[in-house]
Each structure stands twice: as C-alpha cells, then as structure tokens.
Amino acid sequence: MTTFLLVRHGQNDHVKRGILAGWLPDVHLNERGRQQAEALAAGLQSLPFKAVYASPLDRTMETAQPIAAARGLKVIERPGLGEIDVGDWQGRSLKSLRRLRAWSIIQDRPSLFRFPGGESFPEAQARIVAELEALRQHHSGKKDMIVCVSHSDAIKLALAHFLGLPLDLFQRLIVDPGSVSALLVGKDHIRLVRLNDTRLG
C-alpha cells in the first residue's frame, strides 16, 4: 500500500491576483507561500515519508524543497506532476476568462474541454494518474509514504479518478494553496484520509 501526501504549492502572486499561471517560468512563492512551505516542512517532518516528488515548476519546487530538506532528502522532479497545459490561456486573468462561453464548460462539463493550444482535461487526468501509478509501483511496500507536490487541478483530477468520481464532477473538490490531501492506494482498496487540510500551511 502506498500513502500519497498530495501537497498543493504555496501561494504566489499569480494566485493572489487571479492570473492563470500555467507553465509560465519564474512564478515564485510570495512571502505567504514561503511561510506555508516552511510550515508544511515542520508539520510533515514527523511522518515517515521516503521521498519527495514535485512538478518541475518554480512554485512547486520551492514548496517541496523545505519539506525534503527537513528529512534530509532531495526533491525529485517529475513532469507528470505538472500543471495542466492551459495553452493560449496562460498568463490571462481569471476575471477575463470567466466572461467566455467556454468557462461554463470548464465548470460543468470539463470532460469536453480542451484548452486552446493545450491539454484537454481527460489528457491531464490520464497523465497525472499514470504518474501516480508509476510512483506507486516504485513505492509498493506495506507502509510506503511519499510526498507529491503538484497543482490544484492536477490533484483534484487525481483524487476524482481514485475515488471513482466522474471527471465532470471534479470541480466540486477544493484544493487550496499549501494544503495536504492524503490518499492510501493499495491493490484492493483506496482510502481518502485527508482532503484539503490547510492546518499545516
């Protein structure tokens, strides 16, 4: 059985200002985000996780590094944990995007939507699930625990899959900056132990 500690990166100014960052470079944690990362490191330090994996983007790596350092580990970059490729929408404000007709599709029928020049939600879900399954095969001991630092929609899509929730309902889940969701995945059963826990961050 593998326990996944799914951590969303800490706050950054793009989140604060409502900008869709996507895969933009140089999106760093702000002061609040750095505080969240340090609090996560302190709060998770006592847990017996064996590895820390992260999306290669700056904000996820900056969140993961204190968590890994507190246990004497190094962060392992995994592109499969990366943000959804939002294509042409990258860098645009959520306020402007909410005015588009496509926005209602994203909220109500995301399984039908592909970001212009980017990924579809089914593709993104398949990617993140394949990544977690690969990590589960690598950490398949009875009590293996790992940290995966990723992004809101990626985590929500993964949780929806493992919980048997239709993709079109994944937006009902909430994953805030600096939160931890804990998922136990074994051969015969799956358990959600923690969802969007922000007490550490």
C-alpha atoms as a PDB file:
ATOM      1  CA  MET A   1       0.000   0.000   0.000  1.00  0.00           C
ATOM      2  CA  THR A   2       1.215   3.469  -0.844  1.00  0.00           C
ATOM      3  CA  THR A   3       0.254   6.617   1.010  1.00  0.00           C
ATOM      4  CA  PHE A   4       0.358   9.715  -1.157  1.00  0.00           C
ATOM      5  CA  LEU A   5       0.642  13.068   0.573  1.00  0.00           C
ATOM      6  CA  LEU A   6      -0.618  15.321  -2.211  1.00  0.00           C
ATOM      7  CA  VAL A   7       0.553  18.855  -1.478  1.00  0.00           C
ATOM      8  CA  ARG A   8      -0.520  21.889  -3.431  1.00  0.00           C
ATOM      9  CA  HIS A   9       2.188  24.516  -3.795  1.00  0.00           C
ATOM     10  CA  GLY A  10       2.080  27.607  -1.618  1.00  0.00           C
ATOM     11  CA  GLN A  11       0.619  30.947  -2.516  1.00  0.00           C
ATOM     12  CA  ASN A  12       2.186  33.115  -5.212  1.00  0.00           C
ATOM     13  CA  ASP A  13       1.259  36.480  -6.648  1.00  0.00           C
ATOM     14  CA  HIS A  14      -0.432  34.913  -9.677  1.00  0.00           C
ATOM     15  CA  VAL A  15      -2.821  33.048  -7.372  1.00  0.00           C
ATOM     16  CA  LYS A  16      -3.314  36.178  -5.287  1.00  0.00           C
ATOM     17  CA  ARG A  17      -4.109  38.325  -8.349  1.00  0.00           C
ATOM     18  CA  GLY A  18      -6.201  35.689 -10.116  1.00  0.00           C
ATOM     19  CA  ILE A  19      -3.822  35.062 -13.021  1.00  0.00           C
ATOM     20  CA  LEU A  20      -3.726  31.659 -14.731  1.00  0.00           C
ATOM     21  CA  ALA A  21      -0.031  30.846 -14.469  1.00  0.00           C
ATOM     22  CA  GLY A  22       0.029  27.507 -16.289  1.00  0.00           C
ATOM     23  CA  TRP A  23       3.627  26.591 -17.145  1.00  0.00           C
ATOM     24  CA  LEU A  24       4.960  30.171 -17.073  1.00  0.00           C
ATOM     25  CA  PRO A  25       8.540  30.342 -15.763  1.00  0.00           C
ATOM     26  CA  ASP A  26       9.574  32.467 -12.794  1.00  0.00           C
ATOM     27  CA  VAL A  27       6.298  32.181 -10.901  1.00  0.00           C
ATOM     28  CA  HIS A  28       7.753  32.080  -7.396  1.00  0.00           C
ATOM     29  CA  LEU A  29       6.235  31.756  -3.962  1.00  0.00           C
ATOM     30  CA  ASN A  30       5.445  35.058  -2.296  1.00  0.00           C
ATOM     31  CA  GLU A  31       6.045  35.703   1.399  1.00  0.00           C
ATOM     32  CA  ARG A  32       2.851  33.900   2.400  1.00  0.00           C
ATOM     33  CA  GLY A  33       3.756  30.969   0.155  1.00  0.00           C
ATOM     34  CA  ARG A  34       7.202  30.667   1.718  1.00  0.00           C
ATOM     35  CA  GLN A  35       5.604  30.666   5.153  1.00  0.00           C
ATOM     36  CA  GLN A  36       3.277  27.891   4.026  1.00  0.00           C
ATOM     37  CA  ALA A  37       6.201  25.838   2.689  1.00  0.00           C
ATOM     38  CA  GLU A  38       8.114  26.155   5.966  1.00  0.00           C
ATOM     39  CA  ALA A  39       5.011  25.278   7.988  1.00  0.00           C
ATOM     40  CA  LEU A  40       4.398  22.219   5.810  1.00  0.00           C
ATOM     41  CA  ALA A  41       8.007  21.130   6.314  1.00  0.00           C
ATOM     42  CA  ALA A  42       7.655  21.396  10.092  1.00  0.00           C
ATOM     43  CA  GLY A  43       4.245  19.735  10.162  1.00  0.00           C
ATOM     44  CA  LEU A  44       5.145  16.790   7.937  1.00  0.00           C
ATOM     45  CA  GLN A  45       8.629  16.193   9.330  1.00  0.00           C
ATOM     46  CA  SER A  46       7.473  13.556  11.818  1.00  0.00           C
ATOM     47  CA  LEU A  47       5.776  11.464   9.128  1.00  0.00           C
ATOM     48  CA  PRO A  48       7.777   8.555   7.683  1.00  0.00           C
ATOM     49  CA  PHE A  49       7.739   9.581   4.022  1.00  0.00           C
ATOM     50  CA  LYS A  50      10.507   8.064   1.928  1.00  0.00           C
ATOM     51  CA  ALA A  51      10.691  10.505  -0.984  1.00  0.00           C
ATOM     52  CA  VAL A  52       9.567  13.940  -2.138  1.00  0.00           C
ATOM     53  CA  TYR A  53       8.481  14.350  -5.754  1.00  0.00           C
ATOM     54  CA  ALA A  54       7.406  17.603  -7.376  1.00  0.00           C
ATOM     55  CA  SER A  55       6.225  19.236 -10.536  1.00  0.00           C
ATOM     56  CA  PRO A  56       9.266  20.955 -12.096  1.00  0.00           C
ATOM     57  CA  LEU A  57       7.721  24.438 -11.961  1.00  0.00           C
ATOM     58  CA  ASP A  58       9.290  27.037  -9.670  1.00  0.00           C
ATOM     59  CA  ARG A  59       6.386  27.336  -7.245  1.00  0.00           C
ATOM     60  CA  THR A  60       6.147  23.588  -6.666  1.00  0.00           C
ATOM     61  CA  MET A  61       9.887  23.097  -6.322  1.00  0.00           C
ATOM     62  CA  GLU A  62      10.083  25.967  -3.818  1.00  0.00           C
ATOM     63  CA  THR A  63       7.301  24.335  -1.793  1.00  0.00           C
ATOM     64  CA  ALA A  64       8.887  20.896  -1.946  1.00  0.00           C
ATOM     65  CA  GLN A  65      12.449  21.874  -1.038  1.00  0.00           C
ATOM     66  CA  PRO A  66      11.874  22.720   2.666  1.00  0.00           C
ATOM     67  CA  ILE A  67       9.757  19.565   3.070  1.00  0.00           C
ATOM     68  CA  ALA A  68      12.550  17.410   1.651  1.00  0.00           C
ATOM     69  CA  ALA A  69      15.339  19.242   3.474  1.00  0.00           C
ATOM     70  CA  ALA A  70      13.644  18.719   6.853  1.00  0.00           C
ATOM     71  CA  ARG A  71      14.067  14.967   6.344  1.00  0.00           C
ATOM     72  CA  GLY A  72      17.469  15.085   4.655  1.00  0.00           C
ATOM     73  CA  LEU A  73      16.002  14.220   1.258  1.00  0.00           C
ATOM     74  CA  LYS A  74      16.331  15.746  -2.195  1.00  0.00           C
ATOM     75  CA  VAL A  75      13.379  16.786  -4.342  1.00  0.00           C
ATOM     76  CA  ILE A  76      12.884  14.599  -7.403  1.00  0.00           C
ATOM     77  CA  GLU A  77      11.362  16.451 -10.352  1.00  0.00           C
ATOM     78  CA  ARG A  78       8.504  14.673 -12.128  1.00  0.00           C
ATOM     79  CA  PRO A  79       6.989  16.461 -15.148  1.00  0.00           C
ATOM     80  CA  GLY A  80       3.966  14.160 -14.875  1.00  0.00           C
ATOM     81  CA  LEU A  81       3.000  16.034 -11.719  1.00  0.00           C
ATOM     82  CA  GLY A  82       2.980  19.325 -13.628  1.00  0.00           C
ATOM     83  CA  GLU A  83       0.177  21.812 -14.084  1.00  0.00           C
ATOM     84  CA  ILE A  84      -2.423  21.375 -16.793  1.00  0.00           C
ATOM     85  CA  ASP A  85      -1.155  22.850 -20.049  1.00  0.00           C
ATOM     86  CA  VAL A  86      -3.585  25.741 -20.491  1.00  0.00           C
ATOM     87  CA  GLY A  87      -2.051  26.730 -23.822  1.00  0.00           C
ATOM     88  CA  ASP A  88      -3.131  30.149 -25.099  1.00  0.00           C
ATOM     89  CA  TRP A  89      -4.846  30.958 -21.802  1.00  0.00           C
ATOM     90  CA  GLN A  90      -1.538  31.058 -19.954  1.00  0.00           C
ATOM     91  CA  GLY A  91      -0.982  34.371 -18.203  1.00  0.00           C
ATOM     92  CA  ARG A  92      -4.566  35.578 -18.629  1.00  0.00           C
ATOM     93  CA  SER A  93      -6.702  36.823 -15.761  1.00  0.00           C
ATOM     94  CA  LEU A  94      -9.435  34.591 -14.410  1.00  0.00           C
ATOM     95  CA  LYS A  95     -11.741  37.610 -14.437  1.00  0.00           C
ATOM     96  CA  SER A  96     -11.476  37.888 -18.218  1.00  0.00           C
ATOM     97  CA  LEU A  97     -11.700  34.132 -18.745  1.00  0.00           C
ATOM     98  CA  ARG A  98     -14.904  33.869 -16.711  1.00  0.00           C
ATOM     99  CA  ARG A  99     -16.612  36.070 -19.329  1.00  0.00           C
ATOM    100  CA  LEU A 100     -16.008  33.461 -22.032  1.00  0.00           C
ATOM    101  CA  ARG A 101     -18.691  30.978 -23.015  1.00  0.00           C
ATOM    102  CA  ALA A 102     -16.111  28.217 -22.611  1.00  0.00           C
ATOM    103  CA  TRP A 103     -15.844  28.934 -18.905  1.00  0.00           C
ATOM    104  CA  SER A 104     -19.182  27.297 -18.177  1.00  0.00           C
ATOM    105  CA  ILE A 105     -17.993  24.164 -19.988  1.00  0.00           C
ATOM    106  CA  ILE A 106     -14.922  24.031 -17.762  1.00  0.00           C
ATOM    107  CA  GLN A 107     -17.131  24.230 -14.695  1.00  0.00           C
ATOM    108  CA  ASP A 108     -19.964  21.932 -15.766  1.00  0.00           C
ATOM    109  CA  ARG A 109     -18.607  19.588 -18.474  1.00  0.00           C
ATOM    110  CA  PRO A 110     -14.814  19.714 -18.271  1.00  0.00           C
ATOM    111  CA  SER A 111     -14.537  16.312 -19.937  1.00  0.00           C
ATOM    112  CA  LEU A 112     -15.484  18.064 -23.196  1.00  0.00           C
ATOM    113  CA  PHE A 113     -12.975  20.892 -22.950  1.00  0.00           C
ATOM    114  CA  ARG A 114      -9.511  21.336 -24.404  1.00  0.00           C
ATOM    115  CA  PHE A 115      -7.528  24.461 -23.631  1.00  0.00           C
ATOM    116  CA  PRO A 116      -6.740  26.267 -26.905  1.00  0.00           C
ATOM    117  CA  GLY A 117      -3.223  25.174 -27.794  1.00  0.00           C
ATOM    118  CA  GLY A 118      -3.047  22.993 -24.661  1.00  0.00           C
ATOM    119  CA  GLU A 119      -4.314  19.848 -22.969  1.00  0.00           C
ATOM    120  CA  SER A 120      -7.801  18.518 -22.506  1.00  0.00           C
ATOM    121  CA  PHE A 121      -8.945  17.637 -19.005  1.00  0.00           C
ATOM    122  CA  PRO A 122      -9.083  13.895 -19.835  1.00  0.00           C
ATOM    123  CA  GLU A 123      -5.497  14.066 -21.111  1.00  0.00           C
ATOM    124  CA  ALA A 124      -4.336  15.877 -17.989  1.00  0.00           C
ATOM    125  CA  GLN A 125      -6.106  13.371 -15.754  1.00  0.00           C
ATOM    126  CA  ALA A 126      -4.591  10.424 -17.615  1.00  0.00           C
ATOM    127  CA  ARG A 127      -1.137  11.974 -17.241  1.00  0.00           C
ATOM    128  CA  ILE A 128      -1.331  12.621 -13.517  1.00  0.00           C
ATOM    129  CA  VAL A 129      -2.886   9.228 -12.792  1.00  0.00           C
ATOM    130  CA  ALA A 130      -0.219   7.451 -14.846  1.00  0.00           C
ATOM    131  CA  GLU A 131       2.443   9.345 -12.899  1.00  0.00           C
ATOM    132  CA  LEU A 132       0.990   8.376  -9.534  1.00  0.00           C
ATOM    133  CA  GLU A 133       0.589   4.762 -10.631  1.00  0.00           C
ATOM    134  CA  ALA A 134       4.243   4.689 -11.691  1.00  0.00           C
ATOM    135  CA  LEU A 135       5.263   6.064  -8.303  1.00  0.00           C
ATOM    136  CA  ARG A 136       3.021   3.539  -6.561  1.00  0.00           C
ATOM    137  CA  GLN A 137       4.789   0.694  -8.354  1.00  0.00           C
ATOM    138  CA  HIS A 138       8.109   2.127  -7.225  1.00  0.00           C
ATOM    139  CA  HIS A 139       6.908   2.534  -3.617  1.00  0.00           C
ATOM    140  CA  SER A 140       4.826  -0.580  -3.108  1.00  0.00           C
ATOM    141  CA  GLY A 141       5.844  -1.566   0.407  1.00  0.00           C
ATOM    142  CA  LYS A 142       3.222  -2.172   3.080  1.00  0.00           C
ATOM    143  CA  LYS A 143       3.699   1.232   4.657  1.00  0.00           C
ATOM    144  CA  ASP A 144       5.376   3.287   1.938  1.00  0.00           C
ATOM    145  CA  MET A 145       4.592   7.003   2.103  1.00  0.00           C
ATOM    146  CA  ILE A 146       5.657   9.677  -0.365  1.00  0.00           C
ATOM    147  CA  VAL A 147       5.075  13.397  -0.829  1.00  0.00           C
ATOM    148  CA  CYS A 148       3.950  14.691  -4.229  1.00  0.00           C
ATOM    149  CA  VAL A 149       3.877  18.468  -4.647  1.00  0.00           C
ATOM    150  CA  SER A 150       1.641  19.495  -7.510  1.00  0.00           C
ATOM    151  CA  HIS A 151      -1.141  21.879  -8.549  1.00  0.00           C
ATOM    152  CA  SER A 152      -4.805  22.342  -7.720  1.00  0.00           C
ATOM    153  CA  ASP A 153      -6.464  20.876 -10.810  1.00  0.00           C
ATOM    154  CA  ALA A 154      -3.896  18.091 -11.134  1.00  0.00           C
ATOM    155  CA  ILE A 155      -4.538  16.980  -7.557  1.00  0.00           C
ATOM    156  CA  LYS A 156      -8.307  17.272  -7.934  1.00  0.00           C
ATOM    157  CA  LEU A 157      -8.245  15.228 -11.146  1.00  0.00           C
ATOM    158  CA  ALA A 158      -6.165  12.538  -9.448  1.00  0.00           C
ATOM    159  CA  LEU A 159      -8.476  12.408  -6.441  1.00  0.00           C
ATOM    160  CA  ALA A 160     -11.538  12.200  -8.680  1.00  0.00           C
ATOM    161  CA  HIS A 161     -10.051   9.219 -10.509  1.00  0.00           C
ATOM    162  CA  PHE A 162      -9.059   7.250  -7.421  1.00  0.00           C
ATOM    163  CA  LEU A 163     -12.363   7.974  -5.675  1.00  0.00           C
ATOM    164  CA  GLY A 164     -14.427   6.948  -8.702  1.00  0.00           C
ATOM    165  CA  LEU A 165     -15.818  10.443  -9.153  1.00  0.00           C
ATOM    166  CA  PRO A 166     -16.787  11.299 -12.743  1.00  0.00           C
ATOM    167  CA  LEU A 167     -14.401  13.779 -14.307  1.00  0.00           C
ATOM    168  CA  ASP A 168     -17.279  16.193 -14.869  1.00  0.00           C
ATOM    169  CA  LEU A 169     -17.691  16.461 -11.086  1.00  0.00           C
ATOM    170  CA  PHE A 170     -14.036  17.050 -10.187  1.00  0.00           C
ATOM    171  CA  GLN A 171     -14.615  20.803  -9.783  1.00  0.00           C
ATOM    172  CA  ARG A 172     -16.633  20.027  -6.662  1.00  0.00           C
ATOM    173  CA  LEU A 173     -13.358  19.271  -4.882  1.00  0.00           C
ATOM    174  CA  ILE A 174     -11.372  22.091  -3.288  1.00  0.00           C
ATOM    175  CA  VAL A 175      -7.575  22.066  -3.021  1.00  0.00           C
ATOM    176  CA  ASP A 176      -6.201  25.313  -1.584  1.00  0.00           C
ATOM    177  CA  PRO A 177      -2.615  26.626  -1.705  1.00  0.00           C
ATOM    178  CA  GLY A 178      -0.447  24.994   0.953  1.00  0.00           C
ATOM    179  CA  SER A 179      -2.931  22.182   1.563  1.00  0.00           C
ATOM    180  CA  VAL A 180      -2.351  18.463   2.065  1.00  0.00           C
ATOM    181  CA  SER A 181      -4.607  15.670   0.847  1.00  0.00           C
ATOM    182  CA  ALA A 182      -3.701  12.117   1.913  1.00  0.00           C
ATOM    183  CA  LEU A 183      -4.653   9.139  -0.229  1.00  0.00           C
ATOM    184  CA  LEU A 184      -3.971   5.467   0.519  1.00  0.00           C
ATOM    185  CA  VAL A 185      -3.816   3.296  -2.589  1.00  0.00           C
ATOM    186  CA  GLY A 186      -3.457  -0.479  -2.429  1.00  0.00           C
ATOM    187  CA  LYS A 187      -4.154  -3.358  -4.765  1.00  0.00           C
ATOM    188  CA  ASP A 188      -7.622  -3.963  -3.392  1.00  0.00           C
ATOM    189  CA  HIS A 189      -8.777  -0.723  -1.825  1.00  0.00           C
ATOM    190  CA  ILE A 190      -8.393   3.036  -1.795  1.00  0.00           C
ATOM    191  CA  ARG A 191      -8.983   5.375   1.125  1.00  0.00           C
ATOM    192  CA  LEU A 192      -9.086   9.172   1.279  1.00  0.00           C
ATOM    193  CA  VAL A 193      -7.640  10.018   4.682  1.00  0.00           C
ATOM    194  CA  ARG A 194      -7.346  13.791   4.404  1.00  0.00           C
ATOM    195  CA  LEU A 195      -8.719  16.376   1.963  1.00  0.00           C
ATOM    196  CA  ASN A 196      -7.566  19.988   1.562  1.00  0.00           C
ATOM    197  CA  ASP A 197      -6.065  20.147   5.041  1.00  0.00           C
ATOM    198  CA  THR A 198      -4.670  23.662   5.442  1.00  0.00           C
ATOM    199  CA  ARG A 199      -3.862  23.429   9.162  1.00  0.00           C
ATOM    200  CA  LEU A 200      -0.159  22.870   8.486  1.00  0.00           C
ATOM    201  CA  GLY A 201       0.294  25.605   5.909  1.00  0.00           C
END
